[in-house]
Amino acid sequence: MSTRVTKSLSLLLLLAAMVAMPVQAQKIGYVDQQAVLVSMPGMQEVQQEVQQEMKRQQQELQQQRQQFQKRVKQFQQQQSLLDDSARAERQRELQQRQRELQQSAQQRQQEMQQQRREMMQPLLEKLQGAIDKVAAQEELDMVLRREVLLYEDETSEQVMDITRSVAGELGISLTQSPGEPSPTLDQNAPPAGGGGGGQ
């Protein structure tokens, strides 16, 4: 037999042996972070502060847009009286102002997201601490967010929902059932980090 055939057969036998080996089942937990977060003390205050700040920012932006529209209207009314040079200059000014407004809106949005992250951080740290503790108690190998769970065999003892245990660790009662969409929590909220491994 050629060396190439021998190597191929050896590789196939090795792969077959690996497939036949019993794989130690991992114990996996998952948690509905949104259901816990909306029930945590302080979450409502964070939401209210964020909404108030968003409203203030929107009002300021609206005022700036109205001022810009006023300038555009003035230009439209006066452009027939301007020579080509002055008309071109005014158009450049308006285009520049429009770009500035767009940049301002983007910057405000980024600042709001950053502010929200900072306000959420203490709550997320508490939540992660509770997840880590429950994961250690249950001897879990990993913890996933419920949002990434595509399928669960409810009869399996290797996969478990630890949402209520995490809430209990935090000393809170859930105000919504795990898996229920939250009307109050921003879906773009930064998730709590990773998951606790078995200790």
Protein backbone atom coordinates (compact mmCIF):
# COMPACT_ATOMS: atom_id res chain seq x y z
CA MET A 1 0.00 0.00 0.00
CA SER A 2 1.28 3.44 -0.80
CA THR A 3 2.31 5.85 1.94
CA ARG A 4 -0.45 8.29 0.92
CA VAL A 5 -3.18 5.60 1.29
CA THR A 6 -1.74 4.51 4.67
CA LYS A 7 -1.78 8.10 5.95
CA SER A 8 -5.36 8.59 4.73
CA LEU A 9 -6.53 5.41 6.47
CA SER A 10 -4.75 6.41 9.69
CA LEU A 11 -6.42 9.82 9.62
CA LEU A 12 -9.87 8.27 9.03
CA LEU A 13 -9.37 5.83 11.94
CA LEU A 14 -8.27 8.69 14.20
CA LEU A 15 -11.34 10.77 13.28
CA ALA A 16 -13.65 7.79 13.85
CA ALA A 17 -12.10 7.22 17.27
CA MET A 18 -12.59 10.89 18.21
CA VAL A 19 -16.25 10.79 17.15
CA ALA A 20 -16.80 7.59 19.15
CA MET A 21 -15.32 9.10 22.35
CA PRO A 22 -17.97 10.09 24.91
CA VAL A 23 -18.13 13.86 25.18
CA GLN A 24 -18.58 15.18 28.70
CA ALA A 25 -21.85 17.12 28.63
CA GLN A 26 -21.55 20.78 29.50
CA LYS A 27 -24.00 22.35 31.89
CA ILE A 28 -25.33 25.58 30.38
CA GLY A 29 -27.47 28.29 31.90
CA TYR A 30 -29.22 31.21 30.30
CA VAL A 31 -30.67 34.40 31.70
CA ASP A 32 -33.17 36.98 30.47
CA GLN A 33 -31.18 40.08 31.41
CA GLN A 34 -33.90 42.48 30.30
CA ALA A 35 -36.51 40.89 32.57
CA VAL A 36 -34.11 41.27 35.52
CA LEU A 37 -32.94 44.78 34.64
CA VAL A 38 -36.42 46.29 34.37
CA SER A 39 -37.20 44.89 37.83
CA MET A 40 -34.06 46.26 39.50
CA PRO A 41 -34.30 49.26 41.85
CA GLY A 42 -32.86 52.29 40.09
CA MET A 43 -33.75 51.15 36.57
CA GLN A 44 -36.86 53.33 36.40
CA GLU A 45 -34.87 56.38 37.51
CA VAL A 46 -32.24 55.71 34.83
CA GLN A 47 -34.96 55.43 32.18
CA GLN A 48 -36.62 58.67 33.31
CA GLU A 49 -33.33 60.60 33.33
CA VAL A 50 -32.43 59.30 29.87
CA GLN A 51 -35.87 60.21 28.49
CA GLN A 52 -35.73 63.70 29.99
CA GLU A 53 -32.28 64.30 28.53
CA MET A 54 -33.40 62.98 25.13
CA LYS A 55 -36.38 65.34 25.18
CA ARG A 56 -34.12 68.29 26.02
CA GLN A 57 -31.67 67.39 23.23
CA GLN A 58 -34.51 66.98 20.73
CA GLN A 59 -35.92 70.39 21.64
CA GLU A 60 -32.52 72.04 21.13
CA LEU A 61 -32.09 70.30 17.78
CA GLN A 62 -35.59 71.33 16.73
CA GLN A 63 -34.80 74.98 17.52
CA GLN A 64 -31.59 74.80 15.48
CA ARG A 65 -33.47 73.24 12.54
CA GLN A 66 -36.15 75.92 12.68
CA GLN A 67 -33.48 78.64 12.63
CA PHE A 68 -31.86 76.93 9.65
CA GLN A 69 -35.18 76.69 7.79
CA LYS A 70 -35.73 80.39 8.47
CA ARG A 71 -32.37 81.21 6.89
CA VAL A 72 -33.16 79.00 3.88
CA LYS A 73 -36.49 80.79 3.42
CA GLN A 74 -34.81 84.21 3.64
CA PHE A 75 -32.29 83.15 1.01
CA GLN A 76 -35.03 81.90 -1.31
CA GLN A 77 -36.83 85.22 -1.00
CA GLN A 78 -33.69 87.31 -1.52
CA GLN A 79 -31.69 85.30 -4.06
CA SER A 80 -33.14 87.14 -7.07
CA LEU A 81 -31.68 90.37 -5.64
CA LEU A 82 -28.18 88.92 -5.17
CA ASP A 83 -25.44 88.83 -7.77
CA ASP A 84 -23.91 85.45 -8.73
CA SER A 85 -21.00 85.77 -6.30
CA ALA A 86 -23.15 86.65 -3.29
CA ARG A 87 -25.71 83.97 -4.18
CA ALA A 88 -22.96 81.30 -4.41
CA GLU A 89 -21.51 82.45 -1.08
CA ARG A 90 -24.89 82.23 0.67
CA GLN A 91 -25.46 78.75 -0.78
CA ARG A 92 -22.07 77.61 0.54
CA GLU A 93 -22.93 79.01 3.98
CA LEU A 94 -26.26 77.19 4.05
CA GLN A 95 -24.68 73.90 2.92
CA GLN A 96 -22.03 74.25 5.63
CA ARG A 97 -24.70 74.96 8.24
CA GLN A 98 -26.66 71.91 7.11
CA ARG A 99 -23.56 69.71 7.52
CA GLU A 100 -22.98 71.17 10.99
CA LEU A 101 -26.57 70.36 11.98
CA GLN A 102 -26.16 66.75 10.82
CA GLN A 103 -22.88 66.40 12.71
CA SER A 104 -24.46 67.94 15.81
CA ALA A 105 -27.34 65.46 15.69
CA GLN A 106 -24.91 62.51 15.37
CA GLN A 107 -22.71 63.82 18.17
CA ARG A 108 -25.68 64.31 20.48
CA GLN A 109 -26.84 60.76 19.78
CA GLN A 110 -23.38 59.36 20.59
CA GLU A 111 -23.23 61.42 23.79
CA MET A 112 -26.66 60.14 24.83
CA GLN A 113 -25.60 56.53 24.25
CA GLN A 114 -22.42 57.10 26.28
CA GLN A 115 -24.36 58.77 29.09
CA ARG A 116 -26.84 55.89 29.16
CA ARG A 117 -24.01 53.33 29.31
CA GLU A 118 -22.45 55.18 32.26
CA MET A 119 -25.77 55.37 34.10
CA MET A 120 -26.46 51.66 33.45
CA GLN A 121 -22.99 50.48 34.50
CA PRO A 122 -23.69 50.06 38.26
CA LEU A 123 -26.86 48.06 37.51
CA LEU A 124 -25.05 45.89 34.95
CA GLU A 125 -22.22 45.19 37.41
CA LYS A 126 -24.72 44.10 40.09
CA LEU A 127 -26.49 41.89 37.55
CA GLN A 128 -23.22 40.30 36.42
CA GLY A 129 -22.22 39.64 40.03
CA ALA A 130 -25.52 37.81 40.63
CA ILE A 131 -25.11 35.81 37.39
CA ASP A 132 -21.59 34.78 38.41
CA LYS A 133 -22.78 33.69 41.88
CA VAL A 134 -25.70 31.61 40.55
CA ALA A 135 -23.45 30.09 37.86
CA ALA A 136 -20.99 28.99 40.56
CA GLN A 137 -23.76 27.60 42.80
CA GLU A 138 -25.28 25.61 39.92
CA GLU A 139 -21.83 24.53 38.67
CA LEU A 140 -22.55 25.85 35.19
CA ASP A 141 -19.88 25.72 32.51
CA MET A 142 -21.27 28.79 30.74
CA VAL A 143 -24.14 31.29 30.85
CA LEU A 144 -25.78 32.70 27.72
CA ARG A 145 -28.14 35.61 27.19
CA ARG A 146 -31.66 34.41 26.42
CA GLU A 147 -31.59 36.49 23.21
CA VAL A 148 -28.93 34.23 21.67
CA LEU A 149 -30.76 31.02 22.55
CA LEU A 150 -32.24 29.68 19.32
CA TYR A 151 -33.46 26.32 20.66
CA GLU A 152 -33.84 24.71 24.05
CA ASP A 153 -34.75 21.12 24.90
CA GLU A 154 -36.92 21.75 27.95
CA THR A 155 -36.49 18.15 29.10
CA SER A 156 -32.70 18.49 29.20
CA GLU A 157 -31.03 18.75 32.60
CA GLN A 158 -27.94 20.24 30.95
CA VAL A 159 -29.62 23.53 29.99
CA MET A 160 -31.39 25.66 32.58
CA ASP A 161 -33.06 29.05 32.84
CA ILE A 162 -31.45 30.85 35.79
CA THR A 163 -33.38 34.13 35.38
CA ARG A 164 -35.47 33.71 38.55
CA SER A 165 -32.45 32.51 40.54
CA VAL A 166 -30.51 35.62 39.48
CA ALA A 167 -33.46 37.83 40.46
CA GLY A 168 -33.60 36.04 43.82
CA GLU A 169 -29.87 36.60 44.32
CA LEU A 170 -30.51 40.33 43.78
CA GLY A 171 -33.45 40.22 46.21
CA ILE A 172 -36.02 41.34 43.63
CA SER A 173 -39.24 39.99 42.15
CA LEU A 174 -39.58 39.98 38.39
CA THR A 175 -42.15 42.49 37.12
CA GLN A 176 -42.32 40.69 33.77
CA SER A 177 -42.00 37.05 32.78
CA PRO A 178 -38.67 35.90 31.31
CA GLY A 179 -38.82 36.10 27.52
CA GLU A 180 -41.53 38.76 27.50
CA PRO A 181 -40.54 41.83 25.41
CA SER A 182 -39.89 44.86 27.57
CA PRO A 183 -41.76 48.04 26.67
CA THR A 184 -39.48 50.16 28.85
CA LEU A 185 -35.99 48.86 28.25
CA ASP A 186 -34.04 50.13 25.26
CA GLN A 187 -33.30 47.13 23.05
CA ASN A 188 -29.90 48.69 22.28
CA ALA A 189 -28.87 48.62 25.89
CA PRO A 190 -25.39 47.20 26.36
CA PRO A 191 -25.67 43.65 27.67
CA ALA A 192 -24.00 42.54 30.86
CA GLY A 193 -20.68 40.91 30.16
CA GLY A 194 -20.10 37.26 29.29
CA GLY A 195 -21.27 34.65 31.73
CA GLY A 196 -20.06 32.95 34.84
CA GLY A 197 -18.12 29.78 34.45
CA GLY A 198 -18.21 26.94 36.94
CA GLN A 199 -15.88 27.73 39.81
